[in-house]
PDB file of N, CA and C in Angstrom:
ATOM      1  N   MET A   1     123.578  45.753 116.157  1.00  0.00           N
ATOM      2  CA  MET A   1     122.428  46.570 115.822  1.00  0.00           C
ATOM      3  C   MET A   1     121.678  46.899 117.113  1.00  0.00           C
ATOM      4  N   ARG A   2     121.317  48.153 117.232  1.00  0.00           N
ATOM      5  CA  ARG A   2     120.638  48.597 118.444  1.00  0.00           C
ATOM      6  C   ARG A   2     119.144  48.285 118.385  1.00  0.00           C
ATOM      7  N   PRO A   3     118.488  48.218 119.546  1.00  0.00           N
ATOM      8  CA  PRO A   3     117.058  47.909 119.571  1.00  0.00           C
ATOM      9  C   PRO A   3     116.215  48.904 118.760  1.00  0.00           C
ATOM     10  N   LEU A   4     116.609  50.182 118.773  1.00  0.00           N
ATOM     11  CA  LEU A   4     115.858  51.175 118.010  1.00  0.00           C
ATOM     12  C   LEU A   4     115.897  50.862 116.517  1.00  0.00           C
ATOM     13  N   ASP A   5     117.038  50.399 116.037  1.00  0.00           N
ATOM     14  CA  ASP A   5     117.150  50.012 114.629  1.00  0.00           C
ATOM     15  C   ASP A   5     116.225  48.838 114.315  1.00  0.00           C
ATOM     16  N   ASN A   6     116.136  47.895 115.264  1.00  0.00           N
ATOM     17  CA  ASN A   6     115.245  46.748 115.076  1.00  0.00           C
ATOM     18  C   ASN A   6     113.784  47.185 115.004  1.00  0.00           C
ATOM     19  N   VAL A   7     113.395  48.103 115.877  1.00  0.00           N
ATOM     20  CA  VAL A   7     112.012  48.580 115.902  1.00  0.00           C
ATOM     21  C   VAL A   7     111.692  49.334 114.613  1.00  0.00           C
ATOM     22  N   LEU A   8     112.611  50.184 114.153  1.00  0.00           N
ATOM     23  CA  LEU A   8     112.393  50.909 112.904  1.00  0.00           C
ATOM     24  C   LEU A   8     112.242  49.945 111.731  1.00  0.00           C
ATOM     25  N   GLY A   9     113.076  48.953 111.679  1.00  0.00           N
ATOM     26  CA  GLY A   9     112.982  47.952 110.618  1.00  0.00           C
ATOM     27  C   GLY A   9     111.673  47.193 110.675  1.00  0.00           C
ATOM     28  N   LEU A  10     111.249  46.845 111.883  1.00  0.00           N
ATOM     29  CA  LEU A  10     109.988  46.128 112.054  1.00  0.00           C
ATOM     30  C   LEU A  10     108.802  46.974 111.603  1.00  0.00           C
ATOM     31  N   LEU A  11     108.777  48.250 112.000  1.00  0.00           N
ATOM     32  CA  LEU A  11     107.673  49.122 111.599  1.00  0.00           C
ATOM     33  C   LEU A  11     107.656  49.347 110.097  1.00  0.00           C
ATOM     34  N   LYS A  12     108.828  49.506 109.509  1.00  0.00           N
ATOM     35  CA  LYS A  12     108.900  49.689 108.065  1.00  0.00           C
ATOM     36  C   LYS A  12     108.368  48.448 107.347  1.00  0.00           C
ATOM     37  N   THR A  13     108.754  47.282 107.826  1.00  0.00           N
ATOM     38  CA  THR A  13     108.269  46.032 107.235  1.00  0.00           C
ATOM     39  C   THR A  13     106.766  45.885 107.417  1.00  0.00           C
ATOM     40  N   LEU A  14     106.258  46.243 108.581  1.00  0.00           N
ATOM     41  CA  LEU A  14     104.821  46.161 108.847  1.00  0.00           C
ATOM     42  C   LEU A  14     104.034  47.078 107.911  1.00  0.00           C
ATOM     43  N   LEU A  15     104.513  48.302 107.716  1.00  0.00           N
ATOM     44  CA  LEU A  15     103.844  49.224 106.800  1.00  0.00           C
ATOM     45  C   LEU A  15     103.844  48.687 105.372  1.00  0.00           C
ATOM     46  N   LEU A  16     104.976  48.171 104.941  1.00  0.00           N
ATOM     47  CA  LEU A  16     105.073  47.642 103.578  1.00  0.00           C
ATOM     48  C   LEU A  16     104.202  46.399 103.390  1.00  0.00           C
ATOM     49  N   ASP A  17     104.163  45.543 104.394  1.00  0.00           N
ATOM     50  CA  ASP A  17     103.319  44.343 104.313  1.00  0.00           C
ATOM     51  C   ASP A  17     101.836  44.699 104.287  1.00  0.00           C
ATOM     52  N   LEU A  18     101.442  45.682 105.086  1.00  0.00           N
ATOM     53  CA  LEU A  18     100.054  46.122 105.091  1.00  0.00           C
ATOM     54  C   LEU A  18      99.684  46.721 103.741  1.00  0.00           C
ATOM     55  N   LEU A  19     100.580  47.505 103.170  1.00  0.00           N
ATOM     56  CA  LEU A  19     100.349  48.079 101.851  1.00  0.00           C
ATOM     57  C   LEU A  19     100.259  46.984 100.787  1.00  0.00           C
ATOM     58  N   ALA A  20     101.134  45.986 100.862  1.00  0.00           N
ATOM     59  CA  ALA A  20     101.097  44.877  99.900  1.00  0.00           C
ATOM     60  C   ALA A  20      99.791  44.093 100.027  1.00  0.00           C
ATOM     61  N   PHE A  21      99.308  43.900 101.242  1.00  0.00           N
ATOM     62  CA  PHE A  21      98.034  43.211 101.454  1.00  0.00           C
ATOM     63  C   PHE A  21      96.883  43.978 100.817  1.00  0.00           C
ATOM     64  N   ILE A  22      96.857  45.279 101.037  1.00  0.00           N
ATOM     65  CA  ILE A  22      95.784  46.118 100.488  1.00  0.00           C
ATOM     66  C   ILE A  22      95.834  46.129  98.963  1.00  0.00           C
ATOM     67  N   LEU A  23      97.024  46.280  98.405  1.00  0.00           N
ATOM     68  CA  LEU A  23      97.145  46.280  96.951  1.00  0.00           C
ATOM     69  C   LEU A  23      96.763  44.928  96.357  1.00  0.00           C
ATOM     70  N   GLY A  24      97.126  43.855  97.033  1.00  0.00           N
ATOM     71  CA  GLY A  24      96.733  42.524  96.578  1.00  0.00           C
ATOM     72  C   GLY A  24      95.224  42.358  96.570  1.00  0.00           C
ATOM     73  N   ALA A  25      94.562  42.868  97.596  1.00  0.00           N
ATOM     74  CA  ALA A  25      93.098  42.807  97.645  1.00  0.00           C
ATOM     75  C   ALA A  25      92.491  43.634  96.518  1.00  0.00           C
ATOM     76  N   PHE A  26      93.071  44.808  96.232  1.00  0.00           N
ATOM     77  CA  PHE A  26      92.600  45.632  95.115  1.00  0.00           C
ATOM     78  C   PHE A  26      92.685  44.851  93.811  1.00  0.00           C
ATOM     79  N   VAL A  27      93.800  44.183  93.591  1.00  0.00           N
ATOM     80  CA  VAL A  27      94.002  43.444  92.347  1.00  0.00           C
ATOM     81  C   VAL A  27      92.988  42.307  92.221  1.00  0.00           C
ATOM     82  N   ILE A  28      92.747  41.599  93.294  1.00  0.00           N
ATOM     83  CA  ILE A  28      91.785  40.491  93.267  1.00  0.00           C
ATOM     84  C   ILE A  28      90.384  40.998  92.937  1.00  0.00           C
ATOM     85  N   VAL A  29      89.962  42.070  93.603  1.00  0.00           N
ATOM     86  CA  VAL A  29      88.620  42.619  93.366  1.00  0.00           C
ATOM     87  C   VAL A  29      88.515  43.173  91.941  1.00  0.00           C
ATOM     88  N   GLU A  30      89.541  43.874  91.480  1.00  0.00           N
ATOM     89  CA  GLU A  30      89.515  44.452  90.135  1.00  0.00           C
ATOM     90  C   GLU A  30      89.470  43.366  89.067  1.00  0.00           C
ATOM     91  N   THR A  31      90.251  42.320  89.234  1.00  0.00           N
ATOM     92  CA  THR A  31      90.260  41.221  88.268  1.00  0.00           C
ATOM     93  C   THR A  31      88.911  40.513  88.234  1.00  0.00           C
ATOM     94  N   TRP A  32      88.353  40.264  89.396  1.00  0.00           N
ATOM     95  CA  TRP A  32      87.040  39.624  89.461  1.00  0.00           C
ATOM     96  C   TRP A  32      85.970  40.496  88.800  1.00  0.00           C
ATOM     97  N   ALA A  33      85.968  41.801  89.130  1.00  0.00           N
ATOM     98  CA  ALA A  33      84.965  42.702  88.571  1.00  0.00           C
ATOM     99  C   ALA A  33      85.119  42.824  87.051  1.00  0.00           C
ATOM    100  N   ARG A  34      86.347  42.912  86.575  1.00  0.00           N
ATOM    101  CA  ARG A  34      86.587  43.011  85.133  1.00  0.00           C
ATOM    102  C   ARG A  34      86.061  41.755  84.422  1.00  0.00           C
ATOM    103  N   THR A  35      86.332  40.592  84.997  1.00  0.00           N
ATOM    104  CA  THR A  35      85.861  39.341  84.401  1.00  0.00           C
ATOM    105  C   THR A  35      84.340  39.298  84.334  1.00  0.00           C
ATOM    106  N   VAL A  36      83.684  39.675  85.410  1.00  0.00           N
ATOM    107  CA  VAL A  36      82.217  39.668  85.447  1.00  0.00           C
ATOM    108  C   VAL A  36      81.654  40.652  84.421  1.00  0.00           C
ATOM    109  N   LEU A  37      82.239  41.839  84.330  1.00  0.00           N
ATOM    110  CA  LEU A  37      81.732  42.849  83.405  1.00  0.00           C
ATOM    111  C   LEU A  37      81.978  42.469  81.943  1.00  0.00           C
ATOM    112  N   ILE A  38      83.113  41.847  81.667  1.00  0.00           N
ATOM    113  CA  ILE A  38      83.391  41.400  80.301  1.00  0.00           C
ATOM    114  C   ILE A  38      82.423  40.290  79.904  1.00  0.00           C
ATOM    115  N   ARG A  39      82.170  39.356  80.800  1.00  0.00           N
ATOM    116  CA  ARG A  39      81.214  38.270  80.520  1.00  0.00           C
ATOM    117  C   ARG A  39      79.805  38.804  80.306  1.00  0.00           C
ATOM    118  N   ALA A  40      79.508  39.937  80.948  1.00  0.00           N
ATOM    119  CA  ALA A  40      78.184  40.538  80.776  1.00  0.00           C
ATOM    120  C   ALA A  40      78.058  41.225  79.417  1.00  0.00           C
ATOM    121  N   GLY A  41      79.176  41.377  78.713  1.00  0.00           N
ATOM    122  CA  GLY A  41      79.142  41.955  77.376  1.00  0.00           C
ATOM    123  C   GLY A  41      79.077  43.466  77.337  1.00  0.00           C
ATOM    124  N   LEU A  42      79.517  44.117  78.398  1.00  0.00           N
ATOM    125  CA  LEU A  42      79.500  45.581  78.430  1.00  0.00           C
ATOM    126  C   LEU A  42      80.634  46.150  77.569  1.00  0.00           C
ATOM    127  N   PRO A  43      80.430  47.345  77.005  1.00  0.00           N
ATOM    128  CA  PRO A  43      81.500  47.970  76.217  1.00  0.00           C
ATOM    129  C   PRO A  43      82.710  48.305  77.081  1.00  0.00           C
ATOM    130  N   ARG A  44      83.875  48.293  76.460  1.00  0.00           N
ATOM    131  CA  ARG A  44      85.136  48.496  77.185  1.00  0.00           C
ATOM    132  C   ARG A  44      85.177  49.833  77.925  1.00  0.00           C
ATOM    133  N   GLU A  45      84.693  50.894  77.304  1.00  0.00           N
ATOM    134  CA  GLU A  45      84.703  52.219  77.940  1.00  0.00           C
ATOM    135  C   GLU A  45      83.836  52.226  79.202  1.00  0.00           C
ATOM    136  N   PHE A  46      82.703  51.559  79.126  1.00  0.00           N
ATOM    137  CA  PHE A  46      81.804  51.485  80.275  1.00  0.00           C
ATOM    138  C   PHE A  46      82.447  50.673  81.404  1.00  0.00           C
ATOM    139  N   ILE A  47      83.134  49.603  81.032  1.00  0.00           N
ATOM    140  CA  ILE A  47      83.838  48.782  82.024  1.00  0.00           C
ATOM    141  C   ILE A  47      84.899  49.616  82.740  1.00  0.00           C
ATOM    142  N   ASN A  48      85.642  50.420  81.973  1.00  0.00           N
ATOM    143  CA  ASN A  48      86.680  51.251  82.581  1.00  0.00           C
ATOM    144  C   ASN A  48      86.093  52.255  83.568  1.00  0.00           C
ATOM    145  N   VAL A  49      84.971  52.861  83.211  1.00  0.00           N
ATOM    146  CA  VAL A  49      84.326  53.828  84.105  1.00  0.00           C
ATOM    147  C   VAL A  49      83.863  53.131  85.385  1.00  0.00           C
ATOM    148  N   ILE A  50      83.267  51.972  85.247  1.00  0.00           N
ATOM    149  CA  ILE A  50      82.802  51.218  86.423  1.00  0.00           C
ATOM    150  C   ILE A  50      83.985  50.814  87.307  1.00  0.00           C
ATOM    151  N   LEU A  51      85.089  50.367  86.693  1.00  0.00           N
ATOM    152  CA  LEU A  51      86.258  49.949  87.478  1.00  0.00           C
ATOM    153  C   LEU A  51      86.921  51.130  88.187  1.00  0.00           C
ATOM    154  N   ILE A  52      86.930  52.299  87.556  1.00  0.00           N
ATOM    155  CA  ILE A  52      87.473  53.489  88.220  1.00  0.00           C
ATOM    156  C   ILE A  52      86.608  53.842  89.429  1.00  0.00           C
ATOM    157  N   ALA A  53      85.288  53.795  89.251  1.00  0.00           N
ATOM    158  CA  ALA A  53      84.384  54.076  90.370  1.00  0.00           C
ATOM    159  C   ALA A  53      84.579  53.046  91.490  1.00  0.00           C
ATOM    160  N   LEU A  54      84.744  51.780  91.109  1.00  0.00           N
ATOM    161  CA  LEU A  54      84.981  50.727  92.100  1.00  0.00           C
ATOM    162  C   LEU A  54      86.296  50.962  92.849  1.00  0.00           C
ATOM    163  N   ALA A  55      87.330  51.383  92.132  1.00  0.00           N
ATOM    164  CA  ALA A  55      88.621  51.658  92.764  1.00  0.00           C
ATOM    165  C   ALA A  55      88.498  52.807  93.767  1.00  0.00           C
ATOM    166  N   LEU A  56      87.737  53.825  93.423  1.00  0.00           N
ATOM    167  CA  LEU A  56      87.544  54.947  94.351  1.00  0.00           C
ATOM    168  C   LEU A  56      86.777  54.517  95.594  1.00  0.00           C
ATOM    169  N   VAL A  57      85.781  53.658  95.400  1.00  0.00           N
ATOM    170  CA  VAL A  57      85.022  53.143  96.555  1.00  0.00           C
ATOM    171  C   VAL A  57      85.923  52.282  97.439  1.00  0.00           C
ATOM    172  N   LEU A  58      86.739  51.429  96.820  1.00  0.00           N
ATOM    173  CA  LEU A  58      87.668  50.596  97.592  1.00  0.00           C
ATOM    174  C   LEU A  58      88.690  51.448  98.342  1.00  0.00           C
ATOM    175  N   LEU A  59      89.187  52.490  97.683  1.00  0.00           N
ATOM    176  CA  LEU A  59      90.147  53.388  98.332  1.00  0.00           C
ATOM    177  C   LEU A  59      89.514  54.070  99.542  1.00  0.00           C
ATOM    178  N   ALA A  60      88.288  54.535  99.390  1.00  0.00           N
ATOM    179  CA  ALA A  60      87.586  55.159 100.510  1.00  0.00           C
ATOM    180  C   ALA A  60      87.376  54.159 101.649  1.00  0.00           C
ATOM    181  N   ALA A  61      87.059  52.910 101.301  1.00  0.00           N
ATOM    182  CA  ALA A  61      86.867  51.885 102.330  1.00  0.00           C
ATOM    183  C   ALA A  61      88.169  51.588 103.063  1.00  0.00           C
ATOM    184  N   VAL A  62      89.269  51.516 102.328  1.00  0.00           N
ATOM    185  CA  VAL A  62      90.570  51.242 102.961  1.00  0.00           C
ATOM    186  C   VAL A  62      90.964  52.384 103.886  1.00  0.00           C
ATOM    187  N   VAL A  63      90.773  53.606 103.430  1.00  0.00           N
ATOM    188  CA  VAL A  63      91.104  54.758 104.286  1.00  0.00           C
ATOM    189  C   VAL A  63      90.234  54.740 105.532  1.00  0.00           C
ATOM    190  N   ARG A  64      88.981  54.389 105.351  1.00  0.00           N
ATOM    191  CA  ARG A  64      88.066  54.340 106.498  1.00  0.00           C
ATOM    192  C   ARG A  64      88.445  53.217 107.474  1.00  0.00           C
ATOM    193  N   LEU A  65      88.782  52.033 106.936  1.00  0.00           N
ATOM    194  CA  LEU A  65      89.095  50.885 107.789  1.00  0.00           C
ATOM    195  C   LEU A  65      90.480  50.966 108.415  1.00  0.00           C
ATOM    196  N   PHE A  66      91.481  51.341 107.610  1.00  0.00           N
ATOM    197  CA  PHE A  66      92.861  51.297 108.079  1.00  0.00           C
ATOM    198  C   PHE A  66      93.459  52.669 108.345  1.00  0.00           C
ATOM    199  N   GLY A  67      92.689  53.728 108.196  1.00  0.00           N
ATOM    200  CA  GLY A  67      93.218  55.083 108.354  1.00  0.00           C
ATOM    201  C   GLY A  67      93.897  55.305 109.696  1.00  0.00           C
ATOM    202  N   GLY A  68      93.245  54.896 110.759  1.00  0.00           N
ATOM    203  CA  GLY A  68      93.817  55.074 112.088  1.00  0.00           C
ATOM    204  C   GLY A  68      95.084  54.266 112.280  1.00  0.00           C
ATOM    205  N   LEU A  69      95.099  53.056 111.751  1.00  0.00           N
ATOM    206  CA  LEU A  69      96.283  52.207 111.868  1.00  0.00           C
ATOM    207  C   LEU A  69      97.444  52.796 111.090  1.00  0.00           C
ATOM    208  N   PHE A  70      97.165  53.282 109.870  1.00  0.00           N
ATOM    209  CA  PHE A  70      98.221  53.913 109.081  1.00  0.00           C
ATOM    210  C   PHE A  70      98.783  55.135 109.800  1.00  0.00           C
ATOM    211  N   ARG A  71      97.891  55.966 110.321  1.00  0.00           N
ATOM    212  CA  ARG A  71      98.355  57.164 111.038  1.00  0.00           C
ATOM    213  C   ARG A  71      99.204  56.785 112.238  1.00  0.00           C
ATOM    214  N   LEU A  72      98.766  55.802 112.996  1.00  0.00           N
ATOM    215  CA  LEU A  72      99.512  55.374 114.173  1.00  0.00           C
ATOM    216  C   LEU A  72     100.877  54.815 113.783  1.00  0.00           C
ATOM    217  N   LEU A  73     100.897  53.921 112.787  1.00  0.00           N
ATOM    218  CA  LEU A  73     102.171  53.338 112.363  1.00  0.00           C
ATOM    219  C   LEU A  73     103.122  54.391 111.813  1.00  0.00           C
ATOM    220  N   LEU A  74     102.597  55.311 111.009  1.00  0.00           N
ATOM    221  CA  LEU A  74     103.448  56.364 110.466  1.00  0.00           C
ATOM    222  C   LEU A  74     103.957  57.298 111.556  1.00  0.00           C
ATOM    223  N   LEU A  75     103.104  57.619 112.505  1.00  0.00           N
ATOM    224  CA  LEU A  75     103.525  58.488 113.605  1.00  0.00           C
ATOM    225  C   LEU A  75     104.631  57.832 114.430  1.00  0.00           C
ATOM    226  N   VAL A  76     104.431  56.576 114.804  1.00  0.00           N
ATOM    227  CA  VAL A  76     105.451  55.864 115.580  1.00  0.00           C
ATOM    228  C   VAL A  76     106.736  55.740 114.776  1.00  0.00           C
ATOM    229  N   PHE A  77     106.612  55.420 113.488  1.00  0.00           N
ATOM    230  CA  PHE A  77     107.798  55.289 112.636  1.00  0.00           C
ATOM    231  C   PHE A  77     108.552  56.610 112.560  1.00  0.00           C
ATOM    232  N   LEU A  78     107.833  57.721 112.364  1.00  0.00           N
ATOM    233  CA  LEU A  78     108.509  59.017 112.255  1.00  0.00           C
ATOM    234  C   LEU A  78     109.157  59.440 113.575  1.00  0.00           C
ATOM    235  N   VAL A  79     108.485  59.190 114.689  1.00  0.00           N
ATOM    236  CA  VAL A  79     109.081  59.517 115.991  1.00  0.00           C
ATOM    237  C   VAL A  79     110.359  58.711 116.209  1.00  0.00           C
ATOM    238  N   LEU A  80     110.302  57.424 115.894  1.00  0.00           N
ATOM    239  CA  LEU A  80     111.496  56.589 116.054  1.00  0.00           C
ATOM    240  C   LEU A  80     112.597  56.981 115.067  1.00  0.00           C
ATOM    241  N   LEU A  81     112.202  57.393 113.873  1.00  0.00           N
ATOM    242  CA  LEU A  81     113.192  57.829 112.890  1.00  0.00           C
ATOM    243  C   LEU A  81     113.897  59.098 113.357  1.00  0.00           C
ATOM    244  N   VAL A  82     113.141  60.035 113.905  1.00  0.00           N
ATOM    245  CA  VAL A  82     113.756  61.255 114.445  1.00  0.00           C
ATOM    246  C   VAL A  82     114.690  60.906 115.599  1.00  0.00           C
ATOM    247  N   THR A  83     114.259  60.006 116.456  1.00  0.00           N
ATOM    248  CA  THR A  83     115.111  59.562 117.565  1.00  0.00           C
ATOM    249  C   THR A  83     116.366  58.900 117.022  1.00  0.00           C
ATOM    250  N   HIS A  84     116.219  58.110 116.011  1.00  0.00           N
ATOM    251  CA  HIS A  84     117.330  57.423 115.372  1.00  0.00           C
ATOM    252  C   HIS A  84     118.328  58.453 114.812  1.00  0.00           C
ATOM    253  N   ILE A  85     117.810  59.477 114.160  1.00  0.00           N
ATOM    254  CA  ILE A  85     118.671  60.518 113.592  1.00  0.00           C
ATOM    255  C   ILE A  85     119.362  61.309 114.690  1.00  0.00           C
ATOM    256  N   LEU A  86     118.624  61.655 115.741  1.00  0.00           N
ATOM    257  CA  LEU A  86     119.200  62.430 116.828  1.00  0.00           C
ATOM    258  C   LEU A  86     120.283  61.672 117.591  1.00  0.00           C
ATOM    259  N   LEU A  87     120.132  60.354 117.699  1.00  0.00           N
ATOM    260  CA  LEU A  87     121.130  59.558 118.392  1.00  0.00           C
ATOM    261  C   LEU A  87     122.354  59.294 117.520  1.00  0.00           C
ATOM    262  N   GLY A  88     122.235  59.587 116.232  1.00  0.00           N
ATOM    263  CA  GLY A  88     123.388  59.506 115.352  1.00  0.00           C
ATOM    264  C   GLY A  88     123.810  58.091 114.975  1.00  0.00           C
ATOM    265  N   SER A  89     122.885  57.184 114.862  1.00  0.00           N
ATOM    266  CA  SER A  89     123.236  55.828 114.462  1.00  0.00           C
ATOM    267  C   SER A  89     123.670  55.824 113.003  1.00  0.00           C
ATOM    268  N   THR A  90     124.693  55.020 112.694  1.00  0.00           N
ATOM    269  CA  THR A  90     125.167  54.937 111.310  1.00  0.00           C
ATOM    270  C   THR A  90     124.648  53.691 110.614  1.00  0.00           C
ATOM    271  N   ALA A  91     123.881  52.868 111.311  1.00  0.00           N
ATOM    272  CA  ALA A  91     123.345  51.650 110.702  1.00  0.00           C
ATOM    273  C   ALA A  91     122.233  52.018 109.725  1.00  0.00           C
ATOM    274  N   PRO A  92     122.195  51.367 108.556  1.00  0.00           N
ATOM    275  CA  PRO A  92     121.133  51.678 107.589  1.00  0.00           C
ATOM    276  C   PRO A  92     119.788  51.156 108.064  1.00  0.00           C
ATOM    277  N   LEU A  93     118.737  51.824 107.601  1.00  0.00           N
ATOM    278  CA  LEU A  93     117.389  51.351 107.932  1.00  0.00           C
ATOM    279  C   LEU A  93     117.081  50.193 107.051  1.00  0.00           C
TER     280      LEU A  93
END
């Protein structure tokens, strides 16, 4: 396996791990918020509206916090992928 293949694999794994971390944090916050709202005795429809608003706020925060990192990782990954394609490697990503 060539070094370029190793770098592509590493970047792909890093992107997936970062995404898994963010999704895990979303699940933890959503579960906690749902539990608190249910204990407060709010109607189910109201809870859903609040959780959707919370999800949008969390999404905006993630884009704000990790936006530059995502762009950088995706840019490097795409440049290396194009290089990988141009060099004609037959090894799978």
